[in-house]
């Protein structure tokens, strides 16, 4: 099986997800979303695969959240624009497989799509 991991190597949860995927023998494509921010269509796809609202893709405690003028009632378009402008806002880690996608908080949640 192949998985895409939206990864931040400085994040302990992201490193835990990478370790778990490696231990499971998964072929991993690392996606450094900070270096190449996800664009609108990719974010729509993530939201659809996660089966969660767009706001769940956000790290709302980051200073960029307030700087982008976001709130729990922000539109999907505003959220996607903010993530593209401030990729640090994207919740991590996110694992995507042919079986769907999961945010790895807790890390074991990613096992649901393997």
N, C-alpha and C. Protein backbone atom coordinates (compact mmCIF):
# COMPACT_ATOMS: atom_id res chain seq x y z
N UNK A 1 0.84 -1.19 0.00
CA UNK A 1 0.00 0.00 0.00
C UNK A 1 0.88 1.24 0.00
N UNK A 2 0.37 2.29 -0.61
CA UNK A 2 1.07 3.55 -0.66
C UNK A 2 0.28 4.60 0.14
N UNK A 3 1.01 5.48 0.82
CA UNK A 3 0.38 6.55 1.59
C UNK A 3 1.14 7.84 1.36
N UNK A 4 0.39 8.93 1.35
CA UNK A 4 0.99 10.26 1.34
C UNK A 4 0.89 10.80 2.75
N UNK A 5 2.01 11.28 3.26
CA UNK A 5 2.06 11.84 4.60
C UNK A 5 2.36 13.33 4.50
N UNK A 6 1.39 14.16 4.89
CA UNK A 6 1.61 15.60 5.00
C UNK A 6 2.42 15.76 6.28
N UNK A 7 3.69 16.11 6.11
CA UNK A 7 4.69 15.93 7.15
C UNK A 7 5.43 17.21 7.48
N UNK A 8 5.67 17.38 8.78
CA UNK A 8 6.54 18.44 9.28
C UNK A 8 7.56 17.74 10.18
N UNK A 9 8.81 17.61 9.71
CA UNK A 9 9.79 16.85 10.47
C UNK A 9 10.07 17.40 11.87
N UNK A 10 9.74 18.65 12.14
CA UNK A 10 9.98 19.19 13.48
C UNK A 10 8.81 18.93 14.43
N UNK A 11 7.77 18.29 13.95
CA UNK A 11 6.58 17.99 14.77
C UNK A 11 6.66 16.55 15.29
N UNK A 12 6.56 16.37 16.59
CA UNK A 12 6.68 15.02 17.17
C UNK A 12 5.57 14.10 16.69
N UNK A 13 4.34 14.58 16.56
CA UNK A 13 3.24 13.74 16.07
C UNK A 13 3.48 13.31 14.63
N UNK A 14 4.04 14.20 13.84
CA UNK A 14 4.34 13.88 12.45
C UNK A 14 5.44 12.82 12.38
N UNK A 15 6.44 12.96 13.21
CA UNK A 15 7.50 11.94 13.25
C UNK A 15 6.95 10.59 13.74
N UNK A 16 6.03 10.63 14.70
CA UNK A 16 5.41 9.39 15.17
C UNK A 16 4.62 8.71 14.05
N UNK A 17 3.92 9.51 13.26
CA UNK A 17 3.15 8.96 12.13
C UNK A 17 4.09 8.32 11.12
N UNK A 18 5.20 8.98 10.83
CA UNK A 18 6.18 8.43 9.90
C UNK A 18 6.72 7.10 10.41
N UNK A 19 7.03 7.03 11.69
CA UNK A 19 7.52 5.78 12.29
C UNK A 19 6.47 4.68 12.19
N UNK A 20 5.23 5.00 12.51
CA UNK A 20 4.15 4.01 12.45
C UNK A 20 3.97 3.47 11.03
N UNK A 21 3.96 4.37 10.05
CA UNK A 21 3.82 3.95 8.66
C UNK A 21 4.99 3.06 8.23
N UNK A 22 6.18 3.43 8.63
CA UNK A 22 7.38 2.65 8.31
C UNK A 22 7.29 1.26 8.93
N UNK A 23 6.87 1.21 10.20
CA UNK A 23 6.73 -0.08 10.88
C UNK A 23 5.68 -0.98 10.22
N UNK A 24 4.69 -0.36 9.60
CA UNK A 24 3.63 -1.11 8.92
C UNK A 24 4.05 -1.53 7.51
N UNK A 25 5.23 -1.13 7.09
CA UNK A 25 5.72 -1.50 5.76
C UNK A 25 5.05 -0.74 4.63
N UNK A 26 4.55 0.44 4.92
CA UNK A 26 3.84 1.25 3.94
C UNK A 26 4.84 2.01 3.07
N UNK A 27 4.56 2.08 1.77
CA UNK A 27 5.34 2.90 0.83
C UNK A 27 4.88 4.35 1.04
N UNK A 28 5.78 5.19 1.53
CA UNK A 28 5.41 6.54 1.96
C UNK A 28 5.92 7.60 0.99
N UNK A 29 5.00 8.47 0.59
CA UNK A 29 5.38 9.68 -0.15
C UNK A 29 5.28 10.83 0.86
N UNK A 30 6.42 11.44 1.20
CA UNK A 30 6.41 12.57 2.14
C UNK A 30 6.04 13.84 1.40
N UNK A 31 5.11 14.58 1.98
CA UNK A 31 4.66 15.84 1.38
C UNK A 31 5.01 16.95 2.34
N UNK A 32 6.09 17.70 2.02
CA UNK A 32 6.48 18.83 2.86
C UNK A 32 5.59 20.01 2.48
N UNK A 33 4.45 20.09 3.13
CA UNK A 33 3.45 21.11 2.81
C UNK A 33 3.94 22.52 3.15
N UNK A 34 4.98 22.65 3.97
CA UNK A 34 5.49 23.98 4.29
C UNK A 34 6.32 24.53 3.14
N UNK A 35 7.02 23.63 2.44
CA UNK A 35 7.85 24.04 1.31
C UNK A 35 7.02 24.28 0.05
N UNK A 36 6.06 23.39 -0.18
CA UNK A 36 5.15 23.53 -1.33
C UNK A 36 3.73 23.49 -0.77
N UNK A 37 3.15 24.66 -0.51
CA UNK A 37 1.83 24.71 0.10
C UNK A 37 0.76 24.05 -0.78
N UNK A 38 -0.18 23.33 -0.16
CA UNK A 38 -1.27 22.76 -0.94
C UNK A 38 -2.14 23.86 -1.52
N UNK A 39 -2.60 23.63 -2.72
CA UNK A 39 -3.45 24.60 -3.40
C UNK A 39 -4.92 24.23 -3.20
N UNK A 40 -5.79 25.08 -3.67
CA UNK A 40 -7.23 24.96 -3.45
C UNK A 40 -7.76 23.57 -3.75
N UNK A 41 -7.51 23.05 -4.95
CA UNK A 41 -8.07 21.74 -5.34
C UNK A 41 -7.57 20.63 -4.43
N UNK A 42 -6.31 20.69 -4.03
CA UNK A 42 -5.74 19.68 -3.14
C UNK A 42 -6.41 19.75 -1.76
N UNK A 43 -6.69 20.95 -1.29
CA UNK A 43 -7.33 21.11 0.01
C UNK A 43 -8.78 20.63 -0.03
N UNK A 44 -9.48 20.90 -1.13
CA UNK A 44 -10.85 20.40 -1.28
C UNK A 44 -10.83 18.87 -1.24
N UNK A 45 -9.87 18.26 -1.94
CA UNK A 45 -9.74 16.81 -1.96
C UNK A 45 -9.45 16.28 -0.55
N UNK A 46 -8.55 16.92 0.18
CA UNK A 46 -8.25 16.50 1.55
C UNK A 46 -9.49 16.55 2.43
N UNK A 47 -10.22 17.65 2.35
CA UNK A 47 -11.42 17.82 3.16
C UNK A 47 -12.43 16.72 2.83
N UNK A 48 -12.59 16.41 1.55
CA UNK A 48 -13.52 15.37 1.13
C UNK A 48 -13.08 14.00 1.64
N UNK A 49 -11.80 13.70 1.51
CA UNK A 49 -11.29 12.40 1.97
C UNK A 49 -11.36 12.26 3.49
N UNK A 50 -11.13 13.37 4.18
CA UNK A 50 -11.19 13.34 5.65
C UNK A 50 -12.63 13.24 6.16
N UNK A 51 -13.59 13.68 5.33
CA UNK A 51 -15.00 13.70 5.72
C UNK A 51 -15.20 14.54 6.98
N UNK A 52 -14.52 15.68 6.97
CA UNK A 52 -14.59 16.62 8.08
C UNK A 52 -14.70 18.03 7.52
N UNK A 53 -15.20 18.98 8.31
CA UNK A 53 -15.28 20.36 7.84
C UNK A 53 -13.89 20.97 7.60
N UNK A 54 -13.83 21.95 6.73
CA UNK A 54 -12.57 22.60 6.39
C UNK A 54 -11.86 23.13 7.63
N UNK A 55 -12.60 23.64 8.58
CA UNK A 55 -11.98 24.22 9.78
C UNK A 55 -11.14 23.18 10.53
N UNK A 56 -11.47 21.91 10.40
CA UNK A 56 -10.71 20.84 11.07
C UNK A 56 -9.31 20.68 10.47
N UNK A 57 -9.07 21.27 9.30
CA UNK A 57 -7.75 21.22 8.69
C UNK A 57 -6.79 22.22 9.32
N UNK A 58 -7.30 23.07 10.22
CA UNK A 58 -6.52 24.19 10.75
C UNK A 58 -5.93 23.94 12.13
N UNK A 59 -4.78 24.56 12.33
CA UNK A 59 -4.16 24.67 13.66
C UNK A 59 -4.55 26.06 14.17
N UNK A 60 -5.63 26.11 14.91
CA UNK A 60 -6.22 27.40 15.30
C UNK A 60 -5.44 28.14 16.38
N UNK A 61 -4.44 27.51 16.98
CA UNK A 61 -3.66 28.20 18.02
C UNK A 61 -2.44 28.93 17.46
N UNK A 62 -2.20 28.80 16.18
CA UNK A 62 -1.08 29.50 15.55
C UNK A 62 -1.43 30.98 15.40
N UNK A 63 -0.44 31.86 15.49
CA UNK A 63 -0.68 33.30 15.37
C UNK A 63 -1.22 33.65 13.98
N UNK A 64 -0.86 32.87 12.98
CA UNK A 64 -1.34 33.12 11.61
C UNK A 64 -2.85 32.93 11.48
N UNK A 65 -3.43 32.15 12.37
CA UNK A 65 -4.88 31.93 12.37
C UNK A 65 -5.58 33.28 12.57
N UNK A 66 -5.16 34.00 13.59
CA UNK A 66 -5.75 35.33 13.86
C UNK A 66 -5.36 36.32 12.77
N UNK A 67 -4.10 36.25 12.32
CA UNK A 67 -3.64 37.17 11.28
C UNK A 67 -4.45 37.03 10.00
N UNK A 68 -4.92 35.81 9.72
CA UNK A 68 -5.72 35.57 8.52
C UNK A 68 -7.19 35.90 8.74
N UNK A 69 -7.54 36.31 9.96
CA UNK A 69 -8.92 36.68 10.26
C UNK A 69 -9.86 35.49 10.32
N UNK A 70 -9.33 34.33 10.68
CA UNK A 70 -10.15 33.11 10.70
C UNK A 70 -10.92 32.97 12.00
N UNK A 71 -12.00 32.20 11.93
CA UNK A 71 -12.82 31.86 13.09
C UNK A 71 -13.50 30.53 12.78
N UNK A 72 -14.16 29.94 13.76
CA UNK A 72 -14.86 28.68 13.49
C UNK A 72 -15.94 28.80 12.41
N UNK A 73 -16.38 30.02 12.13
CA UNK A 73 -17.41 30.21 11.10
C UNK A 73 -16.84 30.67 9.76
N UNK A 74 -15.52 30.67 9.62
CA UNK A 74 -14.89 31.10 8.36
C UNK A 74 -15.34 30.18 7.22
N UNK A 75 -15.44 30.76 6.05
CA UNK A 75 -15.84 29.99 4.87
C UNK A 75 -14.72 29.05 4.45
N UNK A 76 -15.09 28.00 3.73
CA UNK A 76 -14.08 27.09 3.21
C UNK A 76 -13.07 27.85 2.35
N UNK A 77 -13.55 28.77 1.55
CA UNK A 77 -12.66 29.55 0.68
C UNK A 77 -11.64 30.34 1.49
N UNK A 78 -12.08 30.96 2.58
CA UNK A 78 -11.16 31.73 3.43
C UNK A 78 -10.14 30.80 4.08
N UNK A 79 -10.59 29.63 4.49
CA UNK A 79 -9.69 28.65 5.12
C UNK A 79 -8.65 28.16 4.12
N UNK A 80 -9.08 27.81 2.92
CA UNK A 80 -8.15 27.32 1.90
C UNK A 80 -7.14 28.40 1.52
N UNK A 81 -7.60 29.63 1.39
CA UNK A 81 -6.70 30.74 1.06
C UNK A 81 -5.68 30.95 2.17
N UNK A 82 -6.12 30.83 3.41
CA UNK A 82 -5.22 31.03 4.55
C UNK A 82 -4.16 29.92 4.61
N UNK A 83 -4.57 28.67 4.37
CA UNK A 83 -3.60 27.57 4.40
C UNK A 83 -2.58 27.72 3.29
N UNK A 84 -3.04 28.16 2.12
CA UNK A 84 -2.11 28.37 1.01
C UNK A 84 -1.13 29.51 1.33
N UNK A 85 -1.63 30.56 1.97
CA UNK A 85 -0.78 31.70 2.33
C UNK A 85 0.12 31.38 3.53
N UNK A 86 -0.41 30.62 4.47
CA UNK A 86 0.30 30.27 5.70
C UNK A 86 0.26 28.75 5.88
N UNK A 87 1.09 28.00 5.16
CA UNK A 87 1.01 26.54 5.22
C UNK A 87 1.17 25.96 6.63
N UNK A 88 1.78 26.73 7.52
CA UNK A 88 1.94 26.31 8.91
C UNK A 88 0.59 26.04 9.57
N UNK A 89 -0.49 26.61 9.03
CA UNK A 89 -1.82 26.43 9.59
C UNK A 89 -2.40 25.04 9.36
N UNK A 90 -1.85 24.30 8.41
CA UNK A 90 -2.40 22.98 8.10
C UNK A 90 -2.16 22.03 9.27
N UNK A 91 -3.22 21.41 9.74
CA UNK A 91 -3.09 20.42 10.82
C UNK A 91 -2.19 19.29 10.34
N UNK A 92 -1.45 18.72 11.26
CA UNK A 92 -0.53 17.66 10.91
C UNK A 92 -0.48 16.63 12.01
N UNK A 93 -0.08 15.45 11.66
CA UNK A 93 0.13 14.91 10.32
C UNK A 93 -1.20 14.49 9.70
N UNK A 94 -1.24 14.45 8.38
CA UNK A 94 -2.38 13.91 7.66
C UNK A 94 -1.85 12.79 6.77
N UNK A 95 -2.52 11.64 6.82
CA UNK A 95 -2.17 10.50 5.99
C UNK A 95 -3.30 10.26 5.01
N UNK A 96 -2.93 10.10 3.73
CA UNK A 96 -3.90 9.84 2.67
C UNK A 96 -3.54 8.53 1.99
N UNK A 97 -4.53 7.64 1.87
CA UNK A 97 -4.37 6.39 1.13
C UNK A 97 -5.58 6.21 0.22
N UNK A 98 -5.61 5.12 -0.51
CA UNK A 98 -6.78 4.83 -1.34
C UNK A 98 -8.02 4.59 -0.48
N UNK A 99 -7.83 4.32 0.80
CA UNK A 99 -8.95 4.06 1.71
C UNK A 99 -9.48 5.31 2.39
N UNK A 100 -8.90 6.47 2.12
CA UNK A 100 -9.35 7.71 2.74
C UNK A 100 -8.18 8.47 3.34
N UNK A 101 -8.51 9.35 4.28
CA UNK A 101 -7.49 10.18 4.93
C UNK A 101 -7.84 10.32 6.40
N UNK A 102 -6.80 10.50 7.20
CA UNK A 102 -6.98 10.72 8.64
C UNK A 102 -5.94 11.71 9.13
N UNK A 103 -6.35 12.52 10.08
CA UNK A 103 -5.42 13.37 10.81
C UNK A 103 -4.86 12.50 11.93
N UNK A 104 -3.56 12.48 12.08
CA UNK A 104 -2.89 11.61 13.03
C UNK A 104 -2.85 12.14 14.44
N UNK A 105 -3.97 12.51 14.97
CA UNK A 105 -4.10 12.96 16.36
C UNK A 105 -5.32 12.28 16.95
N UNK A 106 -5.16 11.19 17.64
CA UNK A 106 -3.93 10.52 18.02
C UNK A 106 -3.31 9.78 16.83
N UNK A 107 -2.06 9.45 16.97
CA UNK A 107 -1.30 8.83 15.88
C UNK A 107 -1.98 7.56 15.37
N UNK A 108 -2.52 6.76 16.27
CA UNK A 108 -3.15 5.50 15.86
C UNK A 108 -4.34 5.69 14.93
N UNK A 109 -4.89 6.89 14.85
CA UNK A 109 -6.04 7.14 13.97
C UNK A 109 -5.69 6.84 12.51
N UNK A 110 -4.42 6.96 12.15
CA UNK A 110 -4.05 6.71 10.75
C UNK A 110 -4.17 5.23 10.38
N UNK A 111 -4.20 4.35 11.37
CA UNK A 111 -4.36 2.93 11.08
C UNK A 111 -5.70 2.64 10.41
N UNK A 112 -6.68 3.50 10.61
CA UNK A 112 -8.03 3.32 10.04
C UNK A 112 -8.03 3.34 8.53
N UNK A 113 -7.02 3.96 7.90
CA UNK A 113 -7.00 4.05 6.44
C UNK A 113 -5.92 3.18 5.81
N UNK A 114 -5.30 2.33 6.60
CA UNK A 114 -4.27 1.44 6.06
C UNK A 114 -4.88 0.11 5.65
